[in-house]
Structure formats: C-alpha cells, structure tokens
Amino acid sequence: MANPNLSEKPQSSSIRDASERFAREAKSEAKDVLQDATEAASEFYDRTSTWVQANYGKSLAIAGVLAAVGVFGYVLGRNSQMTDI
C-alpha cells in the first residue's frame, strides 16, 4: 500500500507552493500594516492641523524656541570642536 503522505510530484513543487502561499500572506499582511499606518498618519495630520490653526501664536512661539535651541546647540557643538583641536 502506498504512503498517502508522499505525493507523486517532486518535493520542489510543494516547497514552491508553500513559498508562494507565504509570499501571498506576507503581501496581504504588509498591505494591512501600510493601510493602518496611512490611516494613523492621516488622523495625526488632521488633528495637528486643527490644533495649529486654533493655536497659531503658540505654534509660532514653539517653532521659535526650537529654532533658538537648535542654533544654540550648533554653536556649542562648534565651539567644543574648536577647543578640542
């Protein structure tokens, strides 16, 4: 009696079928993750846009402080490099 677990096809075709199935599942999962990330980014952008419009002055102040801190950090970093040489 023949073993029902063995097929007449070569084993490479079953490996190919499994890899194709895995690729389809991975592609489906990747699409789901991408769609979720897109929806989250869109929601974040909408909320942020609404907040910035409602708090325009605060937004300008925050941007100014961030720019000042960035320039200050750059100057400190350049000065520390100059003293190390």
PDB file of N, CA and C in Angstrom:
ATOM      1  N   MET A   1       0.838  -1.167   0.000  1.00  0.00           N
ATOM      2  CA  MET A   1       0.000   0.000   0.000  1.00  0.00           C
ATOM      3  C   MET A   1       0.889   1.237   0.000  1.00  0.00           C
ATOM      4  N   ALA A   2       0.536   2.235  -0.800  1.00  0.00           N
ATOM      5  CA  ALA A   2       1.339   3.442  -0.934  1.00  0.00           C
ATOM      6  C   ALA A   2       1.107   4.361   0.256  1.00  0.00           C
ATOM      7  N   ASN A   3       2.131   5.085   0.578  1.00  0.00           N
ATOM      8  CA  ASN A   3       2.049   6.044   1.690  1.00  0.00           C
ATOM      9  C   ASN A   3       1.258   7.270   1.226  1.00  0.00           C
ATOM     10  N   PRO A   4       0.152   7.622   1.895  1.00  0.00           N
ATOM     11  CA  PRO A   4      -0.659   8.761   1.450  1.00  0.00           C
ATOM     12  C   PRO A   4       0.044  10.103   1.667  1.00  0.00           C
ATOM     13  N   ASN A   5       1.082  10.142   2.513  1.00  0.00           N
ATOM     14  CA  ASN A   5       1.789  11.396   2.759  1.00  0.00           C
ATOM     15  C   ASN A   5       2.740  11.760   1.629  1.00  0.00           C
ATOM     16  N   LEU A   6       3.091  10.794   0.822  1.00  0.00           N
ATOM     17  CA  LEU A   6       4.001  11.057  -0.280  1.00  0.00           C
ATOM     18  C   LEU A   6       3.189  11.340  -1.532  1.00  0.00           C
ATOM     19  N   SER A   7       3.514  12.392  -2.199  1.00  0.00           N
ATOM     20  CA  SER A   7       2.819  12.703  -3.447  1.00  0.00           C
ATOM     21  C   SER A   7       3.713  12.288  -4.609  1.00  0.00           C
ATOM     22  N   GLU A   8       3.102  12.197  -5.762  1.00  0.00           N
ATOM     23  CA  GLU A   8       3.856  11.816  -6.937  1.00  0.00           C
ATOM     24  C   GLU A   8       4.647  12.992  -7.494  1.00  0.00           C
ATOM     25  N   LYS A   9       4.323  14.208  -7.066  1.00  0.00           N
ATOM     26  CA  LYS A   9       5.037  15.392  -7.524  1.00  0.00           C
ATOM     27  C   LYS A   9       6.400  15.429  -6.845  1.00  0.00           C
ATOM     28  N   PRO A  10       7.359  16.035  -7.491  1.00  0.00           N
ATOM     29  CA  PRO A  10       8.638  16.228  -6.816  1.00  0.00           C
ATOM     30  C   PRO A  10       8.462  17.181  -5.639  1.00  0.00           C
ATOM     31  N   GLN A  11       9.319  17.069  -4.657  1.00  0.00           N
ATOM     32  CA  GLN A  11       9.180  17.869  -3.440  1.00  0.00           C
ATOM     33  C   GLN A  11       9.388  19.349  -3.709  1.00  0.00           C
ATOM     34  N   SER A  12      10.136  19.705  -4.734  1.00  0.00           N
ATOM     35  CA  SER A  12      10.396  21.115  -5.029  1.00  0.00           C
ATOM     36  C   SER A  12       9.104  21.866  -5.337  1.00  0.00           C
ATOM     37  N   SER A  13       8.114  21.206  -5.945  1.00  0.00           N
ATOM     38  CA  SER A  13       6.862  21.897  -6.240  1.00  0.00           C
ATOM     39  C   SER A  13       6.087  22.179  -4.960  1.00  0.00           C
ATOM     40  N   SER A  14       6.149  21.295  -3.981  1.00  0.00           N
ATOM     41  CA  SER A  14       5.448  21.578  -2.722  1.00  0.00           C
ATOM     42  C   SER A  14       6.142  22.699  -1.966  1.00  0.00           C
ATOM     43  N   ILE A  15       7.460  22.767  -2.070  1.00  0.00           N
ATOM     44  CA  ILE A  15       8.193  23.881  -1.453  1.00  0.00           C
ATOM     45  C   ILE A  15       7.845  25.175  -2.170  1.00  0.00           C
ATOM     46  N   ARG A  16       7.754  25.107  -3.488  1.00  0.00           N
ATOM     47  CA  ARG A  16       7.381  26.290  -4.274  1.00  0.00           C
ATOM     48  C   ARG A  16       5.980  26.747  -3.908  1.00  0.00           C
ATOM     49  N   ASP A  17       5.041  25.792  -3.764  1.00  0.00           N
ATOM     50  CA  ASP A  17       3.673  26.146  -3.382  1.00  0.00           C
ATOM     51  C   ASP A  17       3.653  26.803  -2.004  1.00  0.00           C
ATOM     52  N   ALA A  18       4.417  26.266  -1.083  1.00  0.00           N
ATOM     53  CA  ALA A  18       4.461  26.830   0.264  1.00  0.00           C
ATOM     54  C   ALA A  18       5.069  28.229   0.252  1.00  0.00           C
ATOM     55  N   SER A  19       6.117  28.422  -0.537  1.00  0.00           N
ATOM     56  CA  SER A  19       6.744  29.745  -0.588  1.00  0.00           C
ATOM     57  C   SER A  19       5.826  30.758  -1.257  1.00  0.00           C
ATOM     58  N   GLU A  20       5.076  30.324  -2.279  1.00  0.00           N
ATOM     59  CA  GLU A  20       4.118  31.227  -2.920  1.00  0.00           C
ATOM     60  C   GLU A  20       2.991  31.592  -1.960  1.00  0.00           C
ATOM     61  N   ARG A  21       2.519  30.629  -1.187  1.00  0.00           N
ATOM     62  CA  ARG A  21       1.472  30.895  -0.204  1.00  0.00           C
ATOM     63  C   ARG A  21       1.986  31.864   0.860  1.00  0.00           C
ATOM     64  N   PHE A  22       3.217  31.639   1.314  1.00  0.00           N
ATOM     65  CA  PHE A  22       3.829  32.531   2.301  1.00  0.00           C
ATOM     66  C   PHE A  22       3.970  33.939   1.729  1.00  0.00           C
ATOM     67  N   ALA A  23       4.369  34.057   0.474  1.00  0.00           N
ATOM     68  CA  ALA A  23       4.531  35.364  -0.160  1.00  0.00           C
ATOM     69  C   ALA A  23       3.187  36.089  -0.256  1.00  0.00           C
ATOM     70  N   ARG A  24       2.120  35.351  -0.608  1.00  0.00           N
ATOM     71  CA  ARG A  24       0.795  35.969  -0.676  1.00  0.00           C
ATOM     72  C   ARG A  24       0.349  36.455   0.692  1.00  0.00           C
ATOM     73  N   GLU A  25       0.566  35.639   1.731  1.00  0.00           N
ATOM     74  CA  GLU A  25       0.173  36.028   3.079  1.00  0.00           C
ATOM     75  C   GLU A  25       0.983  37.227   3.564  1.00  0.00           C
ATOM     76  N   ALA A  26       2.282  37.225   3.269  1.00  0.00           N
ATOM     77  CA  ALA A  26       3.140  38.340   3.677  1.00  0.00           C
ATOM     78  C   ALA A  26       2.721  39.625   2.965  1.00  0.00           C
ATOM     79  N   LYS A  27       2.376  39.518   1.697  1.00  0.00           N
ATOM     80  CA  LYS A  27       1.935  40.690   0.940  1.00  0.00           C
ATOM     81  C   LYS A  27       0.632  41.231   1.511  1.00  0.00           C
ATOM     82  N   SER A  28      -0.272  40.349   1.871  1.00  0.00           N
ATOM     83  CA  SER A  28      -1.539  40.764   2.458  1.00  0.00           C
ATOM     84  C   SER A  28      -1.310  41.458   3.801  1.00  0.00           C
ATOM     85  N   GLU A  29      -0.445  40.885   4.625  1.00  0.00           N
ATOM     86  CA  GLU A  29      -0.131  41.495   5.927  1.00  0.00           C
ATOM     87  C   GLU A  29       0.539  42.855   5.743  1.00  0.00           C
ATOM     88  N   ALA A  30       1.437  42.954   4.773  1.00  0.00           N
ATOM     89  CA  ALA A  30       2.129  44.219   4.520  1.00  0.00           C
ATOM     90  C   ALA A  30       1.140  45.297   4.077  1.00  0.00           C
ATOM     91  N   LYS A  31       0.172  44.915   3.246  1.00  0.00           N
ATOM     92  CA  LYS A  31      -0.849  45.873   2.822  1.00  0.00           C
ATOM     93  C   LYS A  31      -1.668  46.349   4.009  1.00  0.00           C
ATOM     94  N   ASP A  32      -2.022  45.432   4.914  1.00  0.00           N
ATOM     95  CA  ASP A  32      -2.790  45.801   6.103  1.00  0.00           C
ATOM     96  C   ASP A  32      -2.005  46.757   6.993  1.00  0.00           C
ATOM     97  N   VAL A  33      -0.736  46.467   7.207  1.00  0.00           N
ATOM     98  CA  VAL A  33       0.095  47.324   8.050  1.00  0.00           C
ATOM     99  C   VAL A  33       0.246  48.701   7.411  1.00  0.00           C
ATOM    100  N   LEU A  34       0.467  48.743   6.113  1.00  0.00           N
ATOM    101  CA  LEU A  34       0.613  50.010   5.408  1.00  0.00           C
ATOM    102  C   LEU A  34      -0.670  50.825   5.470  1.00  0.00           C
ATOM    103  N   GLN A  35      -1.795  50.170   5.320  1.00  0.00           N
ATOM    104  CA  GLN A  35      -3.080  50.866   5.391  1.00  0.00           C
ATOM    105  C   GLN A  35      -3.302  51.421   6.799  1.00  0.00           C
ATOM    106  N   ASP A  36      -2.982  50.642   7.831  1.00  0.00           N
ATOM    107  CA  ASP A  36      -3.121  51.120   9.207  1.00  0.00           C
ATOM    108  C   ASP A  36      -2.218  52.320   9.461  1.00  0.00           C
ATOM    109  N   ALA A  37      -0.978  52.263   8.990  1.00  0.00           N
ATOM    110  CA  ALA A  37      -0.040  53.375   9.183  1.00  0.00           C
ATOM    111  C   ALA A  37      -0.511  54.615   8.439  1.00  0.00           C
ATOM    112  N   THR A  38      -1.049  54.425   7.244  1.00  0.00           N
ATOM    113  CA  THR A  38      -1.554  55.558   6.464  1.00  0.00           C
ATOM    114  C   THR A  38      -2.721  56.225   7.162  1.00  0.00           C
ATOM    115  N   GLU A  39      -3.638  55.417   7.702  1.00  0.00           N
ATOM    116  CA  GLU A  39      -4.789  55.965   8.418  1.00  0.00           C
ATOM    117  C   GLU A  39      -4.343  56.714   9.678  1.00  0.00           C
ATOM    118  N   ALA A  40      -3.387  56.152  10.415  1.00  0.00           N
ATOM    119  CA  ALA A  40      -2.896  56.806  11.631  1.00  0.00           C
ATOM    120  C   ALA A  40      -2.201  58.121  11.297  1.00  0.00           C
ATOM    121  N   ALA A  41      -1.391  58.145  10.245  1.00  0.00           N
ATOM    122  CA  ALA A  41      -0.699  59.374   9.848  1.00  0.00           C
ATOM    123  C   ALA A  41      -1.689  60.435   9.399  1.00  0.00           C
ATOM    124  N   SER A  42      -2.707  60.023   8.673  1.00  0.00           N
ATOM    125  CA  SER A  42      -3.719  60.964   8.214  1.00  0.00           C
ATOM    126  C   SER A  42      -4.478  61.566   9.392  1.00  0.00           C
ATOM    127  N   GLU A  43      -4.844  60.722  10.357  1.00  0.00           N
ATOM    128  CA  GLU A  43      -5.544  61.204  11.551  1.00  0.00           C
ATOM    129  C   GLU A  43      -4.654  62.153  12.346  1.00  0.00           C
ATOM    130  N   PHE A  44      -3.373  61.818  12.505  1.00  0.00           N
ATOM    131  CA  PHE A  44      -2.436  62.677  13.222  1.00  0.00           C
ATOM    132  C   PHE A  44      -2.295  64.021  12.524  1.00  0.00           C
ATOM    133  N   TYR A  45      -2.165  64.010  11.204  1.00  0.00           N
ATOM    134  CA  TYR A  45      -2.036  65.252  10.441  1.00  0.00           C
ATOM    135  C   TYR A  45      -3.280  66.122  10.612  1.00  0.00           C
ATOM    136  N   ASP A  46      -4.460  65.510  10.534  1.00  0.00           N
ATOM    137  CA  ASP A  46      -5.699  66.272  10.688  1.00  0.00           C
ATOM    138  C   ASP A  46      -5.791  66.917  12.064  1.00  0.00           C
ATOM    139  N   ARG A  47      -5.470  66.139  13.122  1.00  0.00           N
ATOM    140  CA  ARG A  47      -5.527  66.694  14.477  1.00  0.00           C
ATOM    141  C   ARG A  47      -4.499  67.795  14.674  1.00  0.00           C
ATOM    142  N   THR A  48      -3.297  67.590  14.143  1.00  0.00           N
ATOM    143  CA  THR A  48      -2.241  68.589  14.285  1.00  0.00           C
ATOM    144  C   THR A  48      -2.593  69.857  13.528  1.00  0.00           C
ATOM    145  N   SER A  49      -3.123  69.705  12.337  1.00  0.00           N
ATOM    146  CA  SER A  49      -3.512  70.865  11.542  1.00  0.00           C
ATOM    147  C   SER A  49      -4.586  71.678  12.261  1.00  0.00           C
ATOM    148  N   THR A  50      -5.553  71.003  12.841  1.00  0.00           N
ATOM    149  CA  THR A  50      -6.609  71.680  13.583  1.00  0.00           C
ATOM    150  C   THR A  50      -6.035  72.410  14.797  1.00  0.00           C
ATOM    151  N   TRP A  51      -5.113  71.758  15.525  1.00  0.00           N
ATOM    152  CA  TRP A  51      -4.517  72.381  16.712  1.00  0.00           C
ATOM    153  C   TRP A  51      -3.694  73.608  16.328  1.00  0.00           C
ATOM    154  N   VAL A  52      -2.914  73.503  15.255  1.00  0.00           N
ATOM    155  CA  VAL A  52      -2.079  74.634  14.827  1.00  0.00           C
ATOM    156  C   VAL A  52      -2.956  75.814  14.419  1.00  0.00           C
ATOM    157  N   GLN A  53      -4.038  75.565  13.727  1.00  0.00           N
ATOM    158  CA  GLN A  53      -4.933  76.650  13.329  1.00  0.00           C
ATOM    159  C   GLN A  53      -5.577  77.310  14.542  1.00  0.00           C
ATOM    160  N   ALA A  54      -5.914  76.516  15.557  1.00  0.00           N
ATOM    161  CA  ALA A  54      -6.543  77.061  16.758  1.00  0.00           C
ATOM    162  C   ALA A  54      -5.527  77.751  17.673  1.00  0.00           C
ATOM    163  N   ASN A  55      -4.270  77.367  17.593  1.00  0.00           N
ATOM    164  CA  ASN A  55      -3.225  77.900  18.476  1.00  0.00           C
ATOM    165  C   ASN A  55      -2.062  78.447  17.660  1.00  0.00           C
ATOM    166  N   TYR A  56      -2.355  79.365  16.757  1.00  0.00           N
ATOM    167  CA  TYR A  56      -1.342  79.865  15.830  1.00  0.00           C
ATOM    168  C   TYR A  56      -0.193  80.552  16.571  1.00  0.00           C
ATOM    169  N   GLY A  57      -0.494  81.358  17.563  1.00  0.00           N
ATOM    170  CA  GLY A  57       0.543  82.061  18.330  1.00  0.00           C
ATOM    171  C   GLY A  57       1.447  81.099  19.075  1.00  0.00           C
ATOM    172  N   LYS A  58       0.853  80.105  19.700  1.00  0.00           N
ATOM    173  CA  LYS A  58       1.645  79.099  20.409  1.00  0.00           C
ATOM    174  C   LYS A  58       2.544  78.341  19.429  1.00  0.00           C
ATOM    175  N   SER A  59       2.018  78.071  18.247  1.00  0.00           N
ATOM    176  CA  SER A  59       2.799  77.349  17.239  1.00  0.00           C
ATOM    177  C   SER A  59       4.024  78.147  16.829  1.00  0.00           C
ATOM    178  N   LEU A  60       3.850  79.454  16.626  1.00  0.00           N
ATOM    179  CA  LEU A  60       4.990  80.307  16.267  1.00  0.00           C
ATOM    180  C   LEU A  60       6.007  80.357  17.398  1.00  0.00           C
ATOM    181  N   ALA A  61       5.529  80.454  18.638  1.00  0.00           N
ATOM    182  CA  ALA A  61       6.440  80.500  19.786  1.00  0.00           C
ATOM    183  C   ALA A  61       7.223  79.199  19.910  1.00  0.00           C
ATOM    184  N   ILE A  62       6.559  78.072  19.729  1.00  0.00           N
ATOM    185  CA  ILE A  62       7.231  76.766  19.803  1.00  0.00           C
ATOM    186  C   ILE A  62       8.272  76.654  18.698  1.00  0.00           C
ATOM    187  N   ALA A  63       7.926  77.060  17.490  1.00  0.00           N
ATOM    188  CA  ALA A  63       8.874  76.997  16.372  1.00  0.00           C
ATOM    189  C   ALA A  63      10.076  77.900  16.641  1.00  0.00           C
ATOM    190  N   GLY A  64       9.835  79.084  17.198  1.00  0.00           N
ATOM    191  CA  GLY A  64      10.938  79.998  17.520  1.00  0.00           C
ATOM    192  C   GLY A  64      11.856  79.430  18.580  1.00  0.00           C
ATOM    193  N   VAL A  65      11.283  78.845  19.621  1.00  0.00           N
ATOM    194  CA  VAL A  65      12.099  78.246  20.686  1.00  0.00           C
ATOM    195  C   VAL A  65      12.915  77.080  20.130  1.00  0.00           C
ATOM    196  N   LEU A  66      12.301  76.236  19.324  1.00  0.00           N
ATOM    197  CA  LEU A  66      13.040  75.112  18.731  1.00  0.00           C
ATOM    198  C   LEU A  66      14.184  75.591  17.844  1.00  0.00           C
ATOM    199  N   ALA A  67      13.941  76.648  17.078  1.00  0.00           N
ATOM    200  CA  ALA A  67      14.996  77.191  16.226  1.00  0.00           C
ATOM    201  C   ALA A  67      16.137  77.760  17.070  1.00  0.00           C
ATOM    202  N   ALA A  68      15.796  78.478  18.136  1.00  0.00           N
ATOM    203  CA  ALA A  68      16.822  79.053  19.010  1.00  0.00           C
ATOM    204  C   ALA A  68      17.637  77.963  19.689  1.00  0.00           C
ATOM    205  N   VAL A  69      16.985  76.925  20.174  1.00  0.00           N
ATOM    206  CA  VAL A  69      17.690  75.813  20.819  1.00  0.00           C
ATOM    207  C   VAL A  69      18.597  75.117  19.802  1.00  0.00           C
ATOM    208  N   GLY A  70      18.133  74.949  18.580  1.00  0.00           N
ATOM    209  CA  GLY A  70      18.946  74.335  17.550  1.00  0.00           C
ATOM    210  C   GLY A  70      20.185  75.146  17.228  1.00  0.00           C
ATOM    211  N   VAL A  71      20.037  76.466  17.096  1.00  0.00           N
ATOM    212  CA  VAL A  71      21.186  77.332  16.822  1.00  0.00           C
ATOM    213  C   VAL A  71      22.146  77.314  18.002  1.00  0.00           C
ATOM    214  N   PHE A  72      21.618  77.393  19.213  1.00  0.00           N
ATOM    215  CA  PHE A  72      22.446  77.370  20.427  1.00  0.00           C
ATOM    216  C   PHE A  72      23.237  76.063  20.508  1.00  0.00           C
ATOM    217  N   GLY A  73      22.586  74.944  20.248  1.00  0.00           N
ATOM    218  CA  GLY A  73      23.267  73.647  20.266  1.00  0.00           C
ATOM    219  C   GLY A  73      24.326  73.552  19.192  1.00  0.00           C
ATOM    220  N   TYR A  74      24.045  74.101  18.024  1.00  0.00           N
ATOM    221  CA  TYR A  74      25.024  74.100  16.936  1.00  0.00           C
ATOM    222  C   TYR A  74      26.255  74.907  17.330  1.00  0.00           C
ATOM    223  N   VAL A  75      26.044  76.107  17.897  1.00  0.00           N
ATOM    224  CA  VAL A  75      27.162  76.958  18.295  1.00  0.00           C
ATOM    225  C   VAL A  75      27.983  76.277  19.385  1.00  0.00           C
ATOM    226  N   LEU A  76      27.319  75.689  20.370  1.00  0.00           N
ATOM    227  CA  LEU A  76      28.051  74.983  21.425  1.00  0.00           C
ATOM    228  C   LEU A  76      28.849  73.819  20.856  1.00  0.00           C
ATOM    229  N   GLY A  77      28.264  73.091  19.938  1.00  0.00           N
ATOM    230  CA  GLY A  77      28.960  71.965  19.321  1.00  0.00           C
ATOM    231  C   GLY A  77      30.159  72.410  18.522  1.00  0.00           C
ATOM    232  N   ARG A  78      30.042  73.510  17.799  1.00  0.00           N
ATOM    233  CA  ARG A  78      31.171  74.039  17.020  1.00  0.00           C
ATOM    234  C   ARG A  78      32.271  74.540  17.945  1.00  0.00           C
ATOM    235  N   ASN A  79      31.890  75.211  19.037  1.00  0.00           N
ATOM    236  CA  ASN A  79      32.896  75.724  19.964  1.00  0.00           C
ATOM    237  C   ASN A  79      33.637  74.604  20.660  1.00  0.00           C
ATOM    238  N   SER A  80      32.947  73.536  21.017  1.00  0.00           N
ATOM    239  CA  SER A  80      33.630  72.418  21.693  1.00  0.00           C
ATOM    240  C   SER A  80      34.567  71.708  20.729  1.00  0.00           C
ATOM    241  N   GLN A  81      34.244  71.678  19.452  1.00  0.00           N
ATOM    242  CA  GLN A  81      35.138  71.083  18.472  1.00  0.00           C
ATOM    243  C   GLN A  81      36.373  71.949  18.274  1.00  0.00           C
ATOM    244  N   MET A  82      36.199  73.255  18.336  1.00  0.00           N
ATOM    245  CA  MET A  82      37.331  74.175  18.158  1.00  0.00           C
ATOM    246  C   MET A  82      38.323  74.057  19.312  1.00  0.00           C
ATOM    247  N   THR A  83      37.846  73.883  20.540  1.00  0.00           N
ATOM    248  CA  THR A  83      38.719  73.794  21.712  1.00  0.00           C
ATOM    249  C   THR A  83      39.426  72.444  21.764  1.00  0.00           C
ATOM    250  N   ASP A  84      38.865  71.408  21.137  1.00  0.00           N
ATOM    251  CA  ASP A  84      39.489  70.085  21.151  1.00  0.00           C
ATOM    252  C   ASP A  84      40.659  70.003  20.191  1.00  0.00           C
ATOM    253  N   ILE A  85      40.719  70.885  19.229  1.00  0.00           N
ATOM    254  CA  ILE A  85      41.780  70.811  18.205  1.00  0.00           C
ATOM    255  C   ILE A  85      43.075  71.355  18.692  1.00  0.00           C
TER     256      ILE A  85
END
